[in-house]
Amino acid sequence: FRPVRAGNSFEETVARLLQTIRLGL
């Protein structure tokens, strides 16, 4: 839960949320 990189904010947000779920956090 930290700032995503600019440029692909939607894709980065999806990936970060998915990572949070997949890693069990």
PDB file of all heavy atoms in Angstrom:
ATOM      1  N   PHE A   1       0.842  -1.186   0.000  1.00  0.00           N
ATOM      2  CA  PHE A   1       0.000   0.000   0.000  1.00  0.00           C
ATOM      3  C   PHE A   1       0.883   1.243   0.000  1.00  0.00           C
ATOM      4  O   PHE A   1       0.963   1.986   0.970  1.00  0.00           O
ATOM      5  CB  PHE A   1      -0.944  -0.005   1.207  1.00  0.00           C
ATOM      6  CG  PHE A   1      -1.982  -1.094   1.138  1.00  0.00           C
ATOM      7  CD1 PHE A   1      -2.410  -1.730   2.279  1.00  0.00           C
ATOM      8  CD2 PHE A   1      -2.548  -1.469  -0.069  1.00  0.00           C
ATOM      9  CE1 PHE A   1      -3.370  -2.731   2.230  1.00  0.00           C
ATOM     10  CE2 PHE A   1      -3.512  -2.461  -0.137  1.00  0.00           C
ATOM     11  CZ  PHE A   1      -3.920  -3.100   1.021  1.00  0.00           C
ATOM     12  N   ARG A   2       1.552   1.473  -1.110  1.00  0.00           N
ATOM     13  CA  ARG A   2       2.438   2.611  -1.278  1.00  0.00           C
ATOM     14  C   ARG A   2       2.179   3.197  -2.659  1.00  0.00           C
ATOM     15  O   ARG A   2       1.587   2.538  -3.511  1.00  0.00           O
ATOM     16  CB  ARG A   2       3.901   2.181  -1.141  1.00  0.00           C
ATOM     17  CG  ARG A   2       4.387   1.230  -2.198  1.00  0.00           C
ATOM     18  CD  ARG A   2       5.796   0.690  -1.883  1.00  0.00           C
ATOM     19  NE  ARG A   2       6.383   0.026  -3.028  1.00  0.00           N
ATOM     20  CZ  ARG A   2       6.165  -1.230  -3.378  1.00  0.00           C
ATOM     21  NH1 ARG A   2       5.330  -1.965  -2.660  1.00  0.00           N
ATOM     22  NH2 ARG A   2       6.743  -1.759  -4.430  1.00  0.00           N
ATOM     23  N   PRO A   3       2.595   4.439  -2.923  1.00  0.00           N
ATOM     24  CA  PRO A   3       2.278   5.066  -4.212  1.00  0.00           C
ATOM     25  C   PRO A   3       2.732   4.230  -5.403  1.00  0.00           C
ATOM     26  O   PRO A   3       3.814   3.643  -5.401  1.00  0.00           O
ATOM     27  CB  PRO A   3       3.040   6.395  -4.143  1.00  0.00           C
ATOM     28  CG  PRO A   3       3.109   6.701  -2.686  1.00  0.00           C
ATOM     29  CD  PRO A   3       3.280   5.362  -2.010  1.00  0.00           C
ATOM     30  N   VAL A   4       1.870   4.169  -6.417  1.00  0.00           N
ATOM     31  CA  VAL A   4       2.209   3.447  -7.638  1.00  0.00           C
ATOM     32  C   VAL A   4       2.966   4.385  -8.570  1.00  0.00           C
ATOM     33  O   VAL A   4       2.940   5.603  -8.419  1.00  0.00           O
ATOM     34  CB  VAL A   4       0.951   2.905  -8.343  1.00  0.00           C
ATOM     35  CG1 VAL A   4       0.156   2.004  -7.407  1.00  0.00           C
ATOM     36  CG2 VAL A   4       0.075   4.060  -8.848  1.00  0.00           C
ATOM     37  N   ARG A   5       3.629   3.799  -9.541  1.00  0.00           N
ATOM     38  CA  ARG A   5       4.368   4.603 -10.510  1.00  0.00           C
ATOM     39  C   ARG A   5       3.405   5.281 -11.474  1.00  0.00           C
ATOM     40  O   ARG A   5       2.393   4.721 -11.870  1.00  0.00           O
ATOM     41  CB  ARG A   5       5.352   3.715 -11.280  1.00  0.00           C
ATOM     42  CG  ARG A   5       6.489   3.173 -10.435  1.00  0.00           C
ATOM     43  CD  ARG A   5       7.340   2.190 -11.202  1.00  0.00           C
ATOM     44  NE  ARG A   5       6.572   0.998 -11.538  1.00  0.00           N
ATOM     45  CZ  ARG A   5       7.087  -0.056 -12.166  1.00  0.00           C
ATOM     46  NH1 ARG A   5       8.368  -0.048 -12.541  1.00  0.00           N
ATOM     47  NH2 ARG A   5       6.339  -1.111 -12.436  1.00  0.00           N
ATOM     48  N   ALA A   6       3.752   6.494 -11.870  1.00  0.00           N
ATOM     49  CA  ALA A   6       2.909   7.236 -12.807  1.00  0.00           C
ATOM     50  C   ALA A   6       3.004   6.612 -14.198  1.00  0.00           C
ATOM     51  O   ALA A   6       3.969   5.939 -14.533  1.00  0.00           O
ATOM     52  CB  ALA A   6       3.352   8.695 -12.851  1.00  0.00           C
ATOM     53  N   GLY A   7       1.985   6.874 -15.020  1.00  0.00           N
ATOM     54  CA  GLY A   7       2.008   6.411 -16.398  1.00  0.00           C
ATOM     55  C   GLY A   7       1.035   5.281 -16.653  1.00  0.00           C
ATOM     56  O   GLY A   7       0.354   5.274 -17.684  1.00  0.00           O
ATOM     57  N   ASN A   8       0.988   4.297 -15.769  1.00  0.00           N
ATOM     58  CA  ASN A   8       0.060   3.175 -15.906  1.00  0.00           C
ATOM     59  C   ASN A   8      -0.648   2.962 -14.576  1.00  0.00           C
ATOM     60  O   ASN A   8      -0.615   1.858 -14.013  1.00  0.00           O
ATOM     61  CB  ASN A   8       0.807   1.907 -16.321  1.00  0.00           C
ATOM     62  CG  ASN A   8       1.468   2.029 -17.675  1.00  0.00           C
ATOM     63  OD1 ASN A   8       0.805   2.167 -18.692  1.00  0.00           O
ATOM     64  ND2 ASN A   8       2.790   1.992 -17.682  1.00  0.00           N
ATOM     65  N   SER A   9      -1.283   4.010 -14.090  1.00  0.00           N
ATOM     66  CA  SER A   9      -1.803   3.970 -12.727  1.00  0.00           C
ATOM     67  C   SER A   9      -2.880   2.905 -12.553  1.00  0.00           C
ATOM     68  O   SER A   9      -2.941   2.240 -11.513  1.00  0.00           O
ATOM     69  CB  SER A   9      -2.352   5.335 -12.318  1.00  0.00           C
ATOM     70  OG  SER A   9      -3.377   5.758 -13.205  1.00  0.00           O
ATOM     71  N   PHE A  10      -3.741   2.714 -13.550  1.00  0.00           N
ATOM     72  CA  PHE A  10      -4.775   1.694 -13.423  1.00  0.00           C
ATOM     73  C   PHE A  10      -4.152   0.304 -13.343  1.00  0.00           C
ATOM     74  O   PHE A  10      -4.453  -0.481 -12.429  1.00  0.00           O
ATOM     75  CB  PHE A  10      -5.756   1.767 -14.601  1.00  0.00           C
ATOM     76  CG  PHE A  10      -6.652   0.563 -14.701  1.00  0.00           C
ATOM     77  CD1 PHE A  10      -7.690   0.374 -13.802  1.00  0.00           C
ATOM     78  CD2 PHE A  10      -6.448  -0.395 -15.690  1.00  0.00           C
ATOM     79  CE1 PHE A  10      -8.509  -0.749 -13.880  1.00  0.00           C
ATOM     80  CE2 PHE A  10      -7.254  -1.511 -15.775  1.00  0.00           C
ATOM     81  CZ  PHE A  10      -8.285  -1.686 -14.868  1.00  0.00           C
ATOM     82  N   GLU A  11      -3.267  -0.016 -14.283  1.00  0.00           N
ATOM     83  CA  GLU A  11      -2.642  -1.334 -14.306  1.00  0.00           C
ATOM     84  C   GLU A  11      -1.830  -1.587 -13.040  1.00  0.00           C
ATOM     85  O   GLU A  11      -1.844  -2.685 -12.468  1.00  0.00           O
ATOM     86  CB  GLU A  11      -1.749  -1.479 -15.548  1.00  0.00           C
ATOM     87  CG  GLU A  11      -2.495  -1.541 -16.864  1.00  0.00           C
ATOM     88  CD  GLU A  11      -2.901  -0.177 -17.398  1.00  0.00           C
ATOM     89  OE1 GLU A  11      -2.576   0.843 -16.746  1.00  0.00           O
ATOM     90  OE2 GLU A  11      -3.540  -0.118 -18.456  1.00  0.00           O
ATOM     91  N   GLU A  12      -1.100  -0.563 -12.591  1.00  0.00           N
ATOM     92  CA  GLU A  12      -0.293  -0.698 -11.379  1.00  0.00           C
ATOM     93  C   GLU A  12      -1.175  -0.923 -10.153  1.00  0.00           C
ATOM     94  O   GLU A  12      -0.839  -1.710  -9.261  1.00  0.00           O
ATOM     95  CB  GLU A  12       0.566   0.551 -11.175  1.00  0.00           C
ATOM     96  CG  GLU A  12       1.714   0.681 -12.157  1.00  0.00           C
ATOM     97  CD  GLU A  12       2.988   0.041 -11.636  1.00  0.00           C
ATOM     98  OE1 GLU A  12       3.031  -0.318 -10.448  1.00  0.00           O
ATOM     99  OE2 GLU A  12       3.930  -0.105 -12.426  1.00  0.00           O
ATOM    100  N   THR A  13      -2.314  -0.231 -10.103  1.00  0.00           N
ATOM    101  CA  THR A  13      -3.223  -0.393  -8.965  1.00  0.00           C
ATOM    102  C   THR A  13      -3.824  -1.790  -8.954  1.00  0.00           C
ATOM    103  O   THR A  13      -3.905  -2.439  -7.896  1.00  0.00           O
ATOM    104  CB  THR A  13      -4.332   0.670  -9.013  1.00  0.00           C
ATOM    105  OG1 THR A  13      -3.739   1.982  -8.972  1.00  0.00           O
ATOM    106  CG2 THR A  13      -5.282   0.526  -7.834  1.00  0.00           C
ATOM    107  N   VAL A  14      -4.245  -2.278 -10.106  1.00  0.00           N
ATOM    108  CA  VAL A  14      -4.753  -3.646 -10.197  1.00  0.00           C
ATOM    109  C   VAL A  14      -3.685  -4.635  -9.742  1.00  0.00           C
ATOM    110  O   VAL A  14      -3.947  -5.544  -8.939  1.00  0.00           O
ATOM    111  CB  VAL A  14      -5.198  -3.973 -11.639  1.00  0.00           C
ATOM    112  CG1 VAL A  14      -5.506  -5.462 -11.783  1.00  0.00           C
ATOM    113  CG2 VAL A  14      -6.425  -3.152 -12.024  1.00  0.00           C
ATOM    114  N   ALA A  15      -2.466  -4.465 -10.259  1.00  0.00           N
ATOM    115  CA  ALA A  15      -1.386  -5.394  -9.933  1.00  0.00           C
ATOM    116  C   ALA A  15      -1.064  -5.364  -8.443  1.00  0.00           C
ATOM    117  O   ALA A  15      -0.832  -6.404  -7.822  1.00  0.00           O
ATOM    118  CB  ALA A  15      -0.137  -5.056 -10.749  1.00  0.00           C
ATOM    119  N   ARG A  16      -1.071  -4.170  -7.845  1.00  0.00           N
ATOM    120  CA  ARG A  16      -0.732  -4.053  -6.419  1.00  0.00           C
ATOM    121  C   ARG A  16      -1.810  -4.697  -5.539  1.00  0.00           C
ATOM    122  O   ARG A  16      -1.495  -5.407  -4.579  1.00  0.00           O
ATOM    123  CB  ARG A  16      -0.546  -2.584  -6.061  1.00  0.00           C
ATOM    124  CG  ARG A  16       0.161  -2.340  -4.752  1.00  0.00           C
ATOM    125  CD  ARG A  16       1.652  -2.663  -4.820  1.00  0.00           C
ATOM    126  NE  ARG A  16       2.345  -1.858  -5.797  1.00  0.00           N
ATOM    127  CZ  ARG A  16       2.688  -0.574  -5.623  1.00  0.00           C
ATOM    128  NH1 ARG A  16       2.361   0.050  -4.512  1.00  0.00           N
ATOM    129  NH2 ARG A  16       3.338   0.070  -6.556  1.00  0.00           N
ATOM    130  N   LEU A  17      -3.073  -4.464  -5.881  1.00  0.00           N
ATOM    131  CA  LEU A  17      -4.151  -5.094  -5.113  1.00  0.00           C
ATOM    132  C   LEU A  17      -4.117  -6.609  -5.276  1.00  0.00           C
ATOM    133  O   LEU A  17      -4.305  -7.356  -4.311  1.00  0.00           O
ATOM    134  CB  LEU A  17      -5.503  -4.540  -5.557  1.00  0.00           C
ATOM    135  CG  LEU A  17      -5.809  -3.096  -5.154  1.00  0.00           C
ATOM    136  CD1 LEU A  17      -7.086  -2.613  -5.833  1.00  0.00           C
ATOM    137  CD2 LEU A  17      -5.937  -2.969  -3.641  1.00  0.00           C
ATOM    138  N   LEU A  18      -3.874  -7.057  -6.499  1.00  0.00           N
ATOM    139  CA  LEU A  18      -3.794  -8.492  -6.743  1.00  0.00           C
ATOM    140  C   LEU A  18      -2.629  -9.108  -5.976  1.00  0.00           C
ATOM    141  O   LEU A  18      -2.750 -10.187  -5.388  1.00  0.00           O
ATOM    142  CB  LEU A  18      -3.632  -8.739  -8.240  1.00  0.00           C
ATOM    143  CG  LEU A  18      -3.552 -10.196  -8.692  1.00  0.00           C
ATOM    144  CD1 LEU A  18      -4.826 -10.939  -8.314  1.00  0.00           C
ATOM    145  CD2 LEU A  18      -3.320 -10.269 -10.196  1.00  0.00           C
ATOM    146  N   GLN A  19      -1.508  -8.421  -5.951  1.00  0.00           N
ATOM    147  CA  GLN A  19      -0.346  -8.898  -5.210  1.00  0.00           C
ATOM    148  C   GLN A  19      -0.666  -8.994  -3.717  1.00  0.00           C
ATOM    149  O   GLN A  19      -0.301  -9.961  -3.045  1.00  0.00           O
ATOM    150  CB  GLN A  19       0.832  -7.946  -5.443  1.00  0.00           C
ATOM    151  CG  GLN A  19       2.177  -8.467  -4.987  1.00  0.00           C
ATOM    152  CD  GLN A  19       3.289  -7.475  -5.277  1.00  0.00           C
ATOM    153  OE1 GLN A  19       3.061  -6.260  -5.305  1.00  0.00           O
ATOM    154  NE2 GLN A  19       4.492  -7.967  -5.489  1.00  0.00           N
ATOM    155  N   THR A  20      -1.364  -8.016  -3.196  1.00  0.00           N
ATOM    156  CA  THR A  20      -1.755  -8.020  -1.794  1.00  0.00           C
ATOM    157  C   THR A  20      -2.601  -9.254  -1.457  1.00  0.00           C
ATOM    158  O   THR A  20      -2.410  -9.895  -0.419  1.00  0.00           O
ATOM    159  CB  THR A  20      -2.570  -6.749  -1.473  1.00  0.00           C
ATOM    160  OG1 THR A  20      -1.773  -5.600  -1.741  1.00  0.00           O
ATOM    161  CG2 THR A  20      -3.018  -6.725  -0.021  1.00  0.00           C
ATOM    162  N   ILE A  21      -3.505  -9.601  -2.370  1.00  0.00           N
ATOM    163  CA  ILE A  21      -4.375 -10.759  -2.156  1.00  0.00           C
ATOM    164  C   ILE A  21      -3.603 -12.055  -2.330  1.00  0.00           C
ATOM    165  O   ILE A  21      -3.684 -12.966  -1.494  1.00  0.00           O
ATOM    166  CB  ILE A  21      -5.569 -10.698  -3.129  1.00  0.00           C
ATOM    167  CG1 ILE A  21      -6.452  -9.475  -2.809  1.00  0.00           C
ATOM    168  CG2 ILE A  21      -6.398 -11.977  -3.062  1.00  0.00           C
ATOM    169  CD1 ILE A  21      -7.467  -9.141  -3.885  1.00  0.00           C
ATOM    170  N   ARG A  22      -2.831 -12.167  -3.401  1.00  0.00           N
ATOM    171  CA  ARG A  22      -2.114 -13.403  -3.699  1.00  0.00           C
ATOM    172  C   ARG A  22      -1.075 -13.737  -2.619  1.00  0.00           C
ATOM    173  O   ARG A  22      -0.834 -14.911  -2.318  1.00  0.00           O
ATOM    174  CB  ARG A  22      -1.406 -13.284  -5.048  1.00  0.00           C
ATOM    175  CG  ARG A  22      -2.318 -13.441  -6.256  1.00  0.00           C
ATOM    176  CD  ARG A  22      -2.836 -14.836  -6.363  1.00  0.00           C
ATOM    177  NE  ARG A  22      -3.355 -15.138  -7.696  1.00  0.00           N
ATOM    178  CZ  ARG A  22      -4.252 -16.064  -7.943  1.00  0.00           C
ATOM    179  NH1 ARG A  22      -4.758 -16.770  -6.941  1.00  0.00           N
ATOM    180  NH2 ARG A  22      -4.666 -16.304  -9.163  1.00  0.00           N
ATOM    181  N   LEU A  23      -0.451 -12.718  -2.038  1.00  0.00           N
ATOM    182  CA  LEU A  23       0.562 -12.953  -1.022  1.00  0.00           C
ATOM    183  C   LEU A  23      -0.035 -13.133   0.371  1.00  0.00           C
ATOM    184  O   LEU A  23       0.694 -13.321   1.333  1.00  0.00           O
ATOM    185  CB  LEU A  23       1.578 -11.807  -0.994  1.00  0.00           C
ATOM    186  CG  LEU A  23       2.452 -11.671  -2.246  1.00  0.00           C
ATOM    187  CD1 LEU A  23       3.411 -10.495  -2.098  1.00  0.00           C
ATOM    188  CD2 LEU A  23       3.225 -12.946  -2.540  1.00  0.00           C
ATOM    189  N   GLY A  24      -1.345 -13.061   0.469  1.00  0.00           N
ATOM    190  CA  GLY A  24      -2.001 -13.339   1.739  1.00  0.00           C
ATOM    191  C   GLY A  24      -1.974 -12.208   2.737  1.00  0.00           C
ATOM    192  O   GLY A  24      -2.262 -12.412   3.916  1.00  0.00           O
ATOM    193  N   LEU A  25      -1.641 -10.998   2.299  1.00  0.00           N
ATOM    194  CA  LEU A  25      -1.571  -9.884   3.241  1.00  0.00           C
ATOM    195  C   LEU A  25      -2.961  -9.412   3.647  1.00  0.00           C
ATOM    196  O   LEU A  25      -3.134  -8.828   4.716  1.00  0.00           O
ATOM    197  CB  LEU A  25      -0.759  -8.731   2.643  1.00  0.00           C
ATOM    198  CG  LEU A  25       0.671  -9.112   2.247  1.00  0.00           C
ATOM    199  CD1 LEU A  25       1.418  -7.900   1.752  1.00  0.00           C
ATOM    200  CD2 LEU A  25       1.403  -9.740   3.423  1.00  0.00           C
TER     201      LEU A  25
END
